[in-house]
Amino acid sequence: MVKPTLLVLAAGMGSRYGSLKQMDGVGPNGEAIIDYSVYDAIRAGFGKVVFVIRHSFEADFKEVFNAERFGGKIAVEYVFQELDYLPEGFTLPEGRVKPWGTNHAVMMAAEVINEPFAVINADDFYGREAYATIADYLSGLDGSKDKYCMVGYQVSKTLSENGTVSRGVCTVDSDGNLQGMVERTQIERVNGTILFHDGGADEPLAEDTPVSMNLFGFTPDYFVYSKNFFKEFLKANIENLKSEFFIPLMVNKVINDGTATMRVLKTTSDWFGVTYKEDKPQLMAKIEELIERGIYPRNLWE
């Protein structure tokens, strides 16, 4: 069975937060969320981790997150996402400062990934079970094409107590395959009911509604489809300085075209992130609880 690769999207670190947010310590010894992600990936059977970063913080990032830090237990590579990394025939429009989005970041790894791979956000805590679930699926895909997957979280396990969140709400068919994703904004729990407020109307969501937290699994053919569709996207959107080439946009494209299927893998894991600064103490408390339960050692890399 092939060992899958973990692709960590970390290029937005500096631009979004003004500092390397993912280097903020959330564990008892200053471990970052990335540390827990890599730790979970190693024990789930991943053989390599690829970080998508930017040249502006390359030195700082590599000083912290390197193969030596992870005890040599996993191969480490780095690729770069920059605004001017565009297909031949396209030039960066004047005034563009916003990154091209998550699927553009994925495309940057095409030259270093030749096996099934999972994609994660650098600043999301997905949970041990989620990595084990997606690794098990990807390990059986060696030589396969067009059979993708994602881990679908129950929306109730992805909310913040400190404000509304945006989530990709998924429609799943009777075979467990994704039919489509719709971005819903301003999701929160109100008087015991989960609601989203798109368009001004309050629409309820069931507690177990599957949502995407950007934990996807692909095979390398996905890079080819992305490269081709990115050109179409740019032709239509390059003058829109805020347009972004998101993973859900690409996934909906290949599903709607019948090019590929995406199995929605279920997990009971809680997702944790730092959407608001007030979320960090809660994340730290959850990690401490997981340590007390024996899910993680107190010193990850010793």
C-alpha atoms as a PDB file:
ATOM      1  CA  MET A   1       0.000   0.000   0.000  1.00  0.00           C
ATOM      2  CA  VAL A   2       1.254   3.455  -0.908  1.00  0.00           C
ATOM      3  CA  LYS A   3       2.049   6.011   1.795  1.00  0.00           C
ATOM      4  CA  PRO A   4       0.048   9.185   1.125  1.00  0.00           C
ATOM      5  CA  THR A   5       1.459  12.704   1.378  1.00  0.00           C
ATOM      6  CA  LEU A   6       0.140  15.542   3.547  1.00  0.00           C
ATOM      7  CA  LEU A   7      -0.074  18.947   1.818  1.00  0.00           C
ATOM      8  CA  VAL A   8      -0.247  21.801   4.339  1.00  0.00           C
ATOM      9  CA  LEU A   9      -1.555  25.154   3.088  1.00  0.00           C
ATOM     10  CA  ALA A  10       0.468  27.721   5.024  1.00  0.00           C
ATOM     11  CA  ALA A  11       1.123  30.485   2.489  1.00  0.00           C
ATOM     12  CA  GLY A  12      -1.484  32.819   3.953  1.00  0.00           C
ATOM     13  CA  MET A  13       0.070  32.934   7.385  1.00  0.00           C
ATOM     14  CA  GLY A  14       1.703  36.332   7.273  1.00  0.00           C
ATOM     15  CA  SER A  15      -0.770  38.176   5.068  1.00  0.00           C
ATOM     16  CA  ARG A  16      -3.884  37.299   7.063  1.00  0.00           C
ATOM     17  CA  TYR A  17      -2.625  37.843  10.572  1.00  0.00           C
ATOM     18  CA  GLY A  18       0.405  40.102  10.372  1.00  0.00           C
ATOM     19  CA  SER A  19       2.511  37.412  12.041  1.00  0.00           C
ATOM     20  CA  LEU A  20       3.204  33.702  11.748  1.00  0.00           C
ATOM     21  CA  LYS A  21      -0.002  32.776  13.544  1.00  0.00           C
ATOM     22  CA  GLN A  22       0.538  29.054  13.149  1.00  0.00           C
ATOM     23  CA  MET A  23       3.712  29.371  15.193  1.00  0.00           C
ATOM     24  CA  ASP A  24       1.655  30.488  18.183  1.00  0.00           C
ATOM     25  CA  GLY A  25       1.989  27.892  20.885  1.00  0.00           C
ATOM     26  CA  VAL A  26      -1.202  26.004  21.691  1.00  0.00           C
ATOM     27  CA  GLY A  27       0.391  22.942  23.319  1.00  0.00           C
ATOM     28  CA  PRO A  28       1.980  22.747  26.788  1.00  0.00           C
ATOM     29  CA  ASN A  29       5.506  23.150  25.363  1.00  0.00           C
ATOM     30  CA  GLY A  30       4.695  25.740  22.741  1.00  0.00           C
ATOM     31  CA  GLU A  31       3.617  23.244  20.087  1.00  0.00           C
ATOM     32  CA  ALA A  32       1.746  24.805  17.159  1.00  0.00           C
ATOM     33  CA  ILE A  33      -1.340  23.369  15.487  1.00  0.00           C
ATOM     34  CA  ILE A  34       0.954  22.250  12.670  1.00  0.00           C
ATOM     35  CA  ASP A  35       2.857  20.056  15.134  1.00  0.00           C
ATOM     36  CA  TYR A  36      -0.294  18.167  16.089  1.00  0.00           C
ATOM     37  CA  SER A  37      -1.294  17.819  12.429  1.00  0.00           C
ATOM     38  CA  VAL A  38       2.073  16.316  11.481  1.00  0.00           C
ATOM     39  CA  TYR A  39       2.067  14.079  14.569  1.00  0.00           C
ATOM     40  CA  ASP A  40      -1.370  12.722  13.635  1.00  0.00           C
ATOM     41  CA  ALA A  41      -0.278  12.274  10.018  1.00  0.00           C
ATOM     42  CA  ILE A  42       2.807  10.263  11.013  1.00  0.00           C
ATOM     43  CA  ARG A  43       0.854   7.813  13.133  1.00  0.00           C
ATOM     44  CA  ALA A  44      -1.829   7.541  10.436  1.00  0.00           C
ATOM     45  CA  GLY A  45       0.817   6.358   7.955  1.00  0.00           C
ATOM     46  CA  PHE A  46       1.640   9.432   5.861  1.00  0.00           C
ATOM     47  CA  GLY A  47       5.139   9.294   4.399  1.00  0.00           C
ATOM     48  CA  LYS A  48       5.791  12.931   3.493  1.00  0.00           C
ATOM     49  CA  VAL A  49       4.620  16.424   4.377  1.00  0.00           C
ATOM     50  CA  VAL A  50       4.753  19.291   1.871  1.00  0.00           C
ATOM     51  CA  PHE A  51       4.344  22.854   3.127  1.00  0.00           C
ATOM     52  CA  VAL A  52       3.019  25.572   0.816  1.00  0.00           C
ATOM     53  CA  ILE A  53       4.624  28.813   2.033  1.00  0.00           C
ATOM     54  CA  ARG A  54       5.816  32.157   0.694  1.00  0.00           C
ATOM     55  CA  HIS A  55       9.363  33.361   0.128  1.00  0.00           C
ATOM     56  CA  SER A  56       8.799  36.310   2.475  1.00  0.00           C
ATOM     57  CA  PHE A  57       8.830  34.071   5.557  1.00  0.00           C
ATOM     58  CA  GLU A  58      10.708  31.060   4.167  1.00  0.00           C
ATOM     59  CA  ALA A  59      13.675  31.314   6.541  1.00  0.00           C
ATOM     60  CA  ASP A  60      11.520  31.756   9.659  1.00  0.00           C
ATOM     61  CA  PHE A  61       9.278  28.865   8.699  1.00  0.00           C
ATOM     62  CA  LYS A  62      12.042  26.416   7.836  1.00  0.00           C
ATOM     63  CA  GLU A  63      13.847  27.238  11.063  1.00  0.00           C
ATOM     64  CA  VAL A  64      10.855  25.927  13.002  1.00  0.00           C
ATOM     65  CA  PHE A  65       9.145  23.311  10.843  1.00  0.00           C
ATOM     66  CA  ASN A  66      11.741  20.932   9.464  1.00  0.00           C
ATOM     67  CA  ALA A  67      12.509  17.215   9.387  1.00  0.00           C
ATOM     68  CA  GLU A  68      14.731  17.510  12.442  1.00  0.00           C
ATOM     69  CA  ARG A  69      11.868  18.942  14.500  1.00  0.00           C
ATOM     70  CA  PHE A  70       9.710  15.957  13.591  1.00  0.00           C
ATOM     71  CA  GLY A  71      12.420  13.531  14.655  1.00  0.00           C
ATOM     72  CA  GLY A  72      13.128  12.383  11.108  1.00  0.00           C
ATOM     73  CA  LYS A  73       9.867  10.410  11.167  1.00  0.00           C
ATOM     74  CA  ILE A  74       8.511  11.988   7.989  1.00  0.00           C
ATOM     75  CA  ALA A  75      10.035  13.479   4.831  1.00  0.00           C
ATOM     76  CA  VAL A  76       9.615  17.257   4.531  1.00  0.00           C
ATOM     77  CA  GLU A  77       9.447  19.445   1.407  1.00  0.00           C
ATOM     78  CA  TYR A  78       8.523  23.067   0.720  1.00  0.00           C
ATOM     79  CA  VAL A  79       6.841  24.732  -2.257  1.00  0.00           C
ATOM     80  CA  PHE A  80       5.908  28.375  -2.774  1.00  0.00           C
ATOM     81  CA  GLN A  81       2.758  30.266  -3.649  1.00  0.00           C
ATOM     82  CA  GLU A  82       3.248  33.769  -5.026  1.00  0.00           C
ATOM     83  CA  LEU A  83       0.913  36.170  -6.783  1.00  0.00           C
ATOM     84  CA  ASP A  84       2.854  36.100 -10.042  1.00  0.00           C
ATOM     85  CA  TYR A  85       2.920  32.296 -10.335  1.00  0.00           C
ATOM     86  CA  LEU A  86       0.492  32.263 -13.255  1.00  0.00           C
ATOM     87  CA  PRO A  87       0.158  30.185 -16.433  1.00  0.00           C
ATOM     88  CA  GLU A  88       1.952  31.309 -19.558  1.00  0.00           C
ATOM     89  CA  GLY A  89       0.055  34.107 -21.273  1.00  0.00           C
ATOM     90  CA  PHE A  90      -1.248  35.697 -18.074  1.00  0.00           C
ATOM     91  CA  THR A  91       0.290  38.593 -16.157  1.00  0.00           C
ATOM     92  CA  LEU A  92      -0.408  39.848 -12.656  1.00  0.00           C
ATOM     93  CA  PRO A  93      -2.979  42.667 -12.829  1.00  0.00           C
ATOM     94  CA  GLU A  94      -1.975  45.991 -11.339  1.00  0.00           C
ATOM     95  CA  GLY A  95      -3.256  46.387  -7.798  1.00  0.00           C
ATOM     96  CA  ARG A  96      -3.618  42.669  -7.067  1.00  0.00           C
ATOM     97  CA  VAL A  97      -2.535  41.944  -3.476  1.00  0.00           C
ATOM     98  CA  LYS A  98      -4.886  39.088  -2.534  1.00  0.00           C
ATOM     99  CA  PRO A  99      -3.560  35.520  -2.969  1.00  0.00           C
ATOM    100  CA  TRP A 100      -5.180  33.471  -5.724  1.00  0.00           C
ATOM    101  CA  GLY A 101      -6.843  31.087  -3.269  1.00  0.00           C
ATOM    102  CA  THR A 102      -6.572  27.602  -1.839  1.00  0.00           C
ATOM    103  CA  ASN A 103      -6.672  25.639  -5.091  1.00  0.00           C
ATOM    104  CA  HIS A 104      -3.904  27.808  -6.552  1.00  0.00           C
ATOM    105  CA  ALA A 105      -1.915  26.849  -3.444  1.00  0.00           C
ATOM    106  CA  VAL A 106      -2.583  23.157  -4.092  1.00  0.00           C
ATOM    107  CA  MET A 107      -1.338  23.532  -7.670  1.00  0.00           C
ATOM    108  CA  MET A 108       2.075  24.684  -6.428  1.00  0.00           C
ATOM    109  CA  ALA A 109       2.827  21.124  -5.261  1.00  0.00           C
ATOM    110  CA  ALA A 110       2.365  19.437  -8.646  1.00  0.00           C
ATOM    111  CA  GLU A 111       6.094  18.878  -9.164  1.00  0.00           C
ATOM    112  CA  VAL A 112       6.745  17.214  -5.788  1.00  0.00           C
ATOM    113  CA  ILE A 113       3.673  14.995  -5.283  1.00  0.00           C
ATOM    114  CA  ASN A 114       3.260  11.805  -7.312  1.00  0.00           C
ATOM    115  CA  GLU A 115       1.093   9.825  -4.914  1.00  0.00           C
ATOM    116  CA  PRO A 116      -2.358  10.199  -3.298  1.00  0.00           C
ATOM    117  CA  PHE A 117      -2.366  13.201  -0.984  1.00  0.00           C
ATOM    118  CA  ALA A 118      -4.449  14.964   1.643  1.00  0.00           C
ATOM    119  CA  VAL A 119      -4.830  18.738   1.840  1.00  0.00           C
ATOM    120  CA  ILE A 120      -5.225  20.626   5.110  1.00  0.00           C
ATOM    121  CA  ASN A 121      -5.208  24.189   6.380  1.00  0.00           C
ATOM    122  CA  ALA A 122      -2.172  24.949   8.524  1.00  0.00           C
ATOM    123  CA  ASP A 123      -4.211  26.579  11.279  1.00  0.00           C
ATOM    124  CA  ASP A 124      -6.969  23.957  11.703  1.00  0.00           C
ATOM    125  CA  PHE A 125      -6.942  21.167  14.301  1.00  0.00           C
ATOM    126  CA  TYR A 126      -8.657  18.200  12.658  1.00  0.00           C
ATOM    127  CA  GLY A 127      -8.261  15.412  15.202  1.00  0.00           C
ATOM    128  CA  ARG A 128      -6.526  12.041  15.241  1.00  0.00           C
ATOM    129  CA  GLU A 129      -9.456  10.053  13.844  1.00  0.00           C
ATOM    130  CA  ALA A 130      -9.814  12.307  10.809  1.00  0.00           C
ATOM    131  CA  TYR A 131      -6.219  11.662   9.712  1.00  0.00           C
ATOM    132  CA  ALA A 132      -6.580   7.910  10.249  1.00  0.00           C
ATOM    133  CA  THR A 133      -9.804   7.877   8.209  1.00  0.00           C
ATOM    134  CA  ILE A 134      -8.438   9.772   5.205  1.00  0.00           C
ATOM    135  CA  ALA A 135      -5.091   7.929   5.263  1.00  0.00           C
ATOM    136  CA  ASP A 136      -6.909   4.600   5.123  1.00  0.00           C
ATOM    137  CA  TYR A 137      -8.862   5.725   2.047  1.00  0.00           C
ATOM    138  CA  LEU A 138      -5.871   7.257   0.247  1.00  0.00           C
ATOM    139  CA  SER A 139      -3.622   4.264   0.904  1.00  0.00           C
ATOM    140  CA  GLY A 140      -5.886   2.157  -1.291  1.00  0.00           C
ATOM    141  CA  LEU A 141      -5.815   4.550  -4.262  1.00  0.00           C
ATOM    142  CA  ASP A 142      -2.352   3.839  -5.675  1.00  0.00           C
ATOM    143  CA  GLY A 143      -2.696   3.844  -9.443  1.00  0.00           C
ATOM    144  CA  SER A 144      -6.306   4.997  -9.306  1.00  0.00           C
ATOM    145  CA  LYS A 145      -7.650   8.178 -10.873  1.00  0.00           C
ATOM    146  CA  ASP A 146     -10.654  10.415 -10.352  1.00  0.00           C
ATOM    147  CA  LYS A 147     -11.659   8.928  -6.983  1.00  0.00           C
ATOM    148  CA  TYR A 148     -11.273  11.716  -4.477  1.00  0.00           C
ATOM    149  CA  CYS A 149     -12.428  12.059  -0.893  1.00  0.00           C
ATOM    150  CA  MET A 150     -13.014  14.577   1.854  1.00  0.00           C
ATOM    151  CA  VAL A 151     -13.647  14.354   5.563  1.00  0.00           C
ATOM    152  CA  GLY A 152     -17.093  15.721   6.324  1.00  0.00           C
ATOM    153  CA  TYR A 153     -17.503  17.178   9.791  1.00  0.00           C
ATOM    154  CA  GLN A 154     -20.824  17.530  11.555  1.00  0.00           C
ATOM    155  CA  VAL A 155     -21.554  21.260  11.545  1.00  0.00           C
ATOM    156  CA  SER A 156     -22.313  21.138  15.272  1.00  0.00           C
ATOM    157  CA  LYS A 157     -18.675  20.186  15.924  1.00  0.00           C
ATOM    158  CA  THR A 158     -17.226  23.146  13.990  1.00  0.00           C
ATOM    159  CA  LEU A 159     -18.887  26.172  15.574  1.00  0.00           C
ATOM    160  CA  SER A 160     -17.288  28.966  17.570  1.00  0.00           C
ATOM    161  CA  GLU A 161     -18.691  30.296  20.829  1.00  0.00           C
ATOM    162  CA  ASN A 162     -17.251  33.691  19.974  1.00  0.00           C
ATOM    163  CA  GLY A 163     -19.019  34.589  16.720  1.00  0.00           C
ATOM    164  CA  THR A 164     -20.374  33.335  13.421  1.00  0.00           C
ATOM    165  CA  VAL A 165     -18.414  31.070  11.041  1.00  0.00           C
ATOM    166  CA  SER A 166     -18.476  30.260   7.321  1.00  0.00           C
ATOM    167  CA  ARG A 167     -18.651  26.632   6.212  1.00  0.00           C
ATOM    168  CA  GLY A 168     -18.952  24.675   2.994  1.00  0.00           C
ATOM    169  CA  VAL A 169     -22.279  22.878   3.442  1.00  0.00           C
ATOM    170  CA  CYS A 170     -22.255  19.548   1.591  1.00  0.00           C
ATOM    171  CA  THR A 171     -24.971  17.625  -0.210  1.00  0.00           C
ATOM    172  CA  VAL A 172     -24.266  13.882  -0.183  1.00  0.00           C
ATOM    173  CA  ASP A 173     -25.982  11.182  -2.255  1.00  0.00           C
ATOM    174  CA  SER A 174     -27.134   7.750  -1.063  1.00  0.00           C
ATOM    175  CA  ASP A 175     -23.759   6.226  -2.027  1.00  0.00           C
ATOM    176  CA  GLY A 176     -21.882   8.620   0.227  1.00  0.00           C
ATOM    177  CA  ASN A 177     -20.517  10.740  -2.624  1.00  0.00           C
ATOM    178  CA  LEU A 178     -20.485  14.521  -2.693  1.00  0.00           C
ATOM    179  CA  GLN A 179     -23.042  16.145  -4.973  1.00  0.00           C
ATOM    180  CA  GLY A 180     -21.982  19.707  -4.281  1.00  0.00           C
ATOM    181  CA  MET A 181     -20.749  22.274  -1.760  1.00  0.00           C
ATOM    182  CA  VAL A 182     -22.300  25.648  -1.031  1.00  0.00           C
ATOM    183  CA  GLU A 183     -20.519  28.238   1.074  1.00  0.00           C
ATOM    184  CA  ARG A 184     -22.767  29.399   3.897  1.00  0.00           C
ATOM    185  CA  THR A 185     -21.758  32.409   5.948  1.00  0.00           C
ATOM    186  CA  GLN A 186     -22.728  33.634   9.386  1.00  0.00           C
ATOM    187  CA  ILE A 187     -23.454  30.218  10.861  1.00  0.00           C
ATOM    188  CA  GLU A 188     -24.099  30.185  14.606  1.00  0.00           C
ATOM    189  CA  ARG A 189     -26.192  28.555  17.294  1.00  0.00           C
ATOM    190  CA  VAL A 190     -29.169  30.663  18.367  1.00  0.00           C
ATOM    191  CA  ASN A 191     -31.392  29.494  21.216  1.00  0.00           C
ATOM    192  CA  GLY A 192     -30.237  25.921  20.718  1.00  0.00           C
ATOM    193  CA  THR A 193     -30.713  25.856  16.928  1.00  0.00           C
ATOM    194  CA  ILE A 194     -27.946  26.114  14.307  1.00  0.00           C
ATOM    195  CA  LEU A 195     -28.769  28.829  11.754  1.00  0.00           C
ATOM    196  CA  PHE A 196     -27.127  30.556   8.843  1.00  0.00           C
ATOM    197  CA  HIS A 197     -28.082  34.092   7.850  1.00  0.00           C
ATOM    198  CA  ASP A 198     -27.285  34.246   4.128  1.00  0.00           C
ATOM    199  CA  GLY A 199     -29.435  36.766   2.292  1.00  0.00           C
ATOM    200  CA  GLY A 200     -30.865  38.096   5.522  1.00  0.00           C
ATOM    201  CA  ALA A 201     -33.090  35.070   6.147  1.00  0.00           C
ATOM    202  CA  ASP A 202     -32.478  32.672   9.024  1.00  0.00           C
ATOM    203  CA  GLU A 203     -32.179  29.136   7.666  1.00  0.00           C
ATOM    204  CA  PRO A 204     -31.772  26.165  10.043  1.00  0.00           C
ATOM    205  CA  LEU A 205     -29.113  23.482   9.672  1.00  0.00           C
ATOM    206  CA  ALA A 206     -29.406  20.018  11.189  1.00  0.00           C
ATOM    207  CA  GLU A 207     -26.817  19.232  13.857  1.00  0.00           C
ATOM    208  CA  ASP A 208     -25.240  16.478  11.737  1.00  0.00           C
ATOM    209  CA  THR A 209     -25.178  18.417   8.445  1.00  0.00           C
ATOM    210  CA  PRO A 210     -21.831  17.535   6.798  1.00  0.00           C
ATOM    211  CA  VAL A 211     -19.543  20.502   6.175  1.00  0.00           C
ATOM    212  CA  SER A 212     -16.124  20.835   4.582  1.00  0.00           C
ATOM    213  CA  MET A 213     -13.221  22.082   6.678  1.00  0.00           C
ATOM    214  CA  ASN A 214     -10.743  21.865   3.778  1.00  0.00           C
ATOM    215  CA  LEU A 215      -9.610  18.316   4.575  1.00  0.00           C
ATOM    216  CA  PHE A 216      -9.573  16.787   1.097  1.00  0.00           C
ATOM    217  CA  GLY A 217      -7.943  13.772  -0.516  1.00  0.00           C
ATOM    218  CA  PHE A 218      -6.817  13.687  -4.153  1.00  0.00           C
ATOM    219  CA  THR A 219      -4.712  11.726  -6.625  1.00  0.00           C
ATOM    220  CA  PRO A 220      -2.160  13.529  -8.839  1.00  0.00           C
ATOM    221  CA  ASP A 221      -4.529  13.777 -11.825  1.00  0.00           C
ATOM    222  CA  TYR A 222      -6.223  16.558  -9.850  1.00  0.00           C
ATOM    223  CA  PHE A 223      -3.239  18.805 -10.632  1.00  0.00           C
ATOM    224  CA  VAL A 224      -3.893  18.460 -14.365  1.00  0.00           C
ATOM    225  CA  TYR A 225      -7.592  19.329 -14.070  1.00  0.00           C
ATOM    226  CA  SER A 226      -6.721  22.293 -11.843  1.00  0.00           C
ATOM    227  CA  LYS A 227      -4.109  23.623 -14.265  1.00  0.00           C
ATOM    228  CA  ASN A 228      -6.570  23.521 -17.143  1.00  0.00           C
ATOM    229  CA  PHE A 229      -9.497  25.049 -15.265  1.00  0.00           C
ATOM    230  CA  PHE A 230      -7.343  27.766 -13.684  1.00  0.00           C
ATOM    231  CA  LYS A 231      -6.802  29.202 -17.157  1.00  0.00           C
ATOM    232  CA  GLU A 232     -10.567  29.375 -17.676  1.00  0.00           C
ATOM    233  CA  PHE A 233     -10.953  30.956 -14.252  1.00  0.00           C
ATOM    234  CA  LEU A 234      -8.345  33.612 -15.034  1.00  0.00           C
ATOM    235  CA  LYS A 235      -9.906  34.486 -18.386  1.00  0.00           C
ATOM    236  CA  ALA A 236     -13.180  35.219 -16.600  1.00  0.00           C
ATOM    237  CA  ASN A 237     -11.891  36.704 -13.346  1.00  0.00           C
ATOM    238  CA  ILE A 238      -8.375  38.124 -13.670  1.00  0.00           C
ATOM    239  CA  GLU A 239      -9.557  41.739 -13.555  1.00  0.00           C
ATOM    240  CA  ASN A 240     -11.496  41.084 -10.336  1.00  0.00           C
ATOM    241  CA  LEU A 241      -8.786  41.859  -7.784  1.00  0.00           C
ATOM    242  CA  LYS A 242     -10.592  39.895  -5.051  1.00  0.00           C
ATOM    243  CA  SER A 243     -11.412  36.754  -7.030  1.00  0.00           C
ATOM    244  CA  GLU A 244      -9.998  33.512  -5.605  1.00  0.00           C
ATOM    245  CA  PHE A 245      -9.569  30.020  -7.036  1.00  0.00           C
ATOM    246  CA  PHE A 246     -10.898  27.974  -4.120  1.00  0.00           C
ATOM    247  CA  ILE A 247     -10.766  24.192  -3.710  1.00  0.00           C
ATOM    248  CA  PRO A 248     -14.592  23.878  -3.512  1.00  0.00           C
ATOM    249  CA  LEU A 249     -14.880  25.702  -6.855  1.00  0.00           C
ATOM    250  CA  MET A 250     -12.592  23.128  -8.483  1.00  0.00           C
ATOM    251  CA  VAL A 251     -14.227  20.183  -6.716  1.00  0.00           C
ATOM    252  CA  ASN A 252     -17.713  21.268  -7.804  1.00  0.00           C
ATOM    253  CA  LYS A 253     -16.369  21.582 -11.353  1.00  0.00           C
ATOM    254  CA  VAL A 254     -15.018  18.013 -11.612  1.00  0.00           C
ATOM    255  CA  ILE A 255     -18.102  16.570  -9.915  1.00  0.00           C
ATOM    256  CA  ASN A 256     -20.601  18.470 -12.064  1.00  0.00           C
ATOM    257  CA  ASP A 257     -18.694  17.534 -15.219  1.00  0.00           C
ATOM    258  CA  GLY A 258     -18.674  13.878 -14.221  1.00  0.00           C
ATOM    259  CA  THR A 259     -14.870  13.860 -14.323  1.00  0.00           C
ATOM    260  CA  ALA A 260     -14.429  12.537 -10.781  1.00  0.00           C
ATOM    261  CA  THR A 261     -16.270  11.410  -7.677  1.00  0.00           C
ATOM    262  CA  MET A 262     -15.605  12.517  -4.118  1.00  0.00           C
ATOM    263  CA  ARG A 263     -16.421  10.170  -1.256  1.00  0.00           C
ATOM    264  CA  VAL A 264     -17.497  11.966   1.914  1.00  0.00           C
ATOM    265  CA  LEU A 265     -15.779  10.219   4.819  1.00  0.00           C
ATOM    266  CA  LYS A 266     -17.532  10.590   8.139  1.00  0.00           C
ATOM    267  CA  THR A 267     -15.785  11.549  11.335  1.00  0.00           C
ATOM    268  CA  THR A 268     -16.934  12.084  14.890  1.00  0.00           C
ATOM    269  CA  SER A 269     -13.870  14.254  15.574  1.00  0.00           C
ATOM    270  CA  ASP A 270     -14.297  17.771  16.826  1.00  0.00           C
ATOM    271  CA  TRP A 271     -12.696  20.423  14.656  1.00  0.00           C
ATOM    272  CA  PHE A 272     -10.907  23.296  16.335  1.00  0.00           C
ATOM    273  CA  GLY A 273      -9.515  26.486  14.916  1.00  0.00           C
ATOM    274  CA  VAL A 274      -8.749  30.027  15.918  1.00  0.00           C
ATOM    275  CA  THR A 275     -11.340  31.989  13.962  1.00  0.00           C
ATOM    276  CA  TYR A 276     -11.386  34.579  16.743  1.00  0.00           C
ATOM    277  CA  LYS A 277      -8.595  35.355  19.193  1.00  0.00           C
ATOM    278  CA  GLU A 278     -10.947  34.299  21.989  1.00  0.00           C
ATOM    279  CA  ASP A 279     -10.961  30.767  20.513  1.00  0.00           C
ATOM    280  CA  LYS A 280      -7.322  30.122  21.446  1.00  0.00           C
ATOM    281  CA  PRO A 281      -7.833  29.447  25.191  1.00  0.00           C
ATOM    282  CA  GLN A 282     -10.566  26.942  24.345  1.00  0.00           C
ATOM    283  CA  LEU A 283      -8.282  25.164  21.868  1.00  0.00           C
ATOM    284  CA  MET A 284      -5.496  24.998  24.450  1.00  0.00           C
ATOM    285  CA  ALA A 285      -7.916  23.569  27.016  1.00  0.00           C
ATOM    286  CA  LYS A 286      -9.085  20.930  24.515  1.00  0.00           C
ATOM    287  CA  ILE A 287      -5.499  19.878  23.800  1.00  0.00           C
ATOM    288  CA  GLU A 288      -4.831  19.580  27.531  1.00  0.00           C
ATOM    289  CA  GLU A 289      -7.916  17.380  27.834  1.00  0.00           C
ATOM    290  CA  LEU A 290      -6.677  15.151  24.978  1.00  0.00           C
ATOM    291  CA  ILE A 291      -3.289  14.851  26.690  1.00  0.00           C
ATOM    292  CA  GLU A 292      -4.980  13.835  29.940  1.00  0.00           C
ATOM    293  CA  ARG A 293      -6.911  11.167  28.009  1.00  0.00           C
ATOM    294  CA  GLY A 294      -3.682   9.808  26.532  1.00  0.00           C
ATOM    295  CA  ILE A 295      -4.446  10.811  22.918  1.00  0.00           C
ATOM    296  CA  TYR A 296      -1.251  12.916  22.753  1.00  0.00           C
ATOM    297  CA  PRO A 297       1.950  12.828  24.826  1.00  0.00           C
ATOM    298  CA  ARG A 298       2.759  15.935  26.818  1.00  0.00           C
ATOM    299  CA  ASN A 299       5.971  16.353  24.817  1.00  0.00           C
ATOM    300  CA  LEU A 300       5.121  15.634  21.176  1.00  0.00           C
ATOM    301  CA  TRP A 301       8.624  15.291  19.746  1.00  0.00           C
ATOM    302  CA  GLU A 302      10.640  13.824  22.613  1.00  0.00           C
END
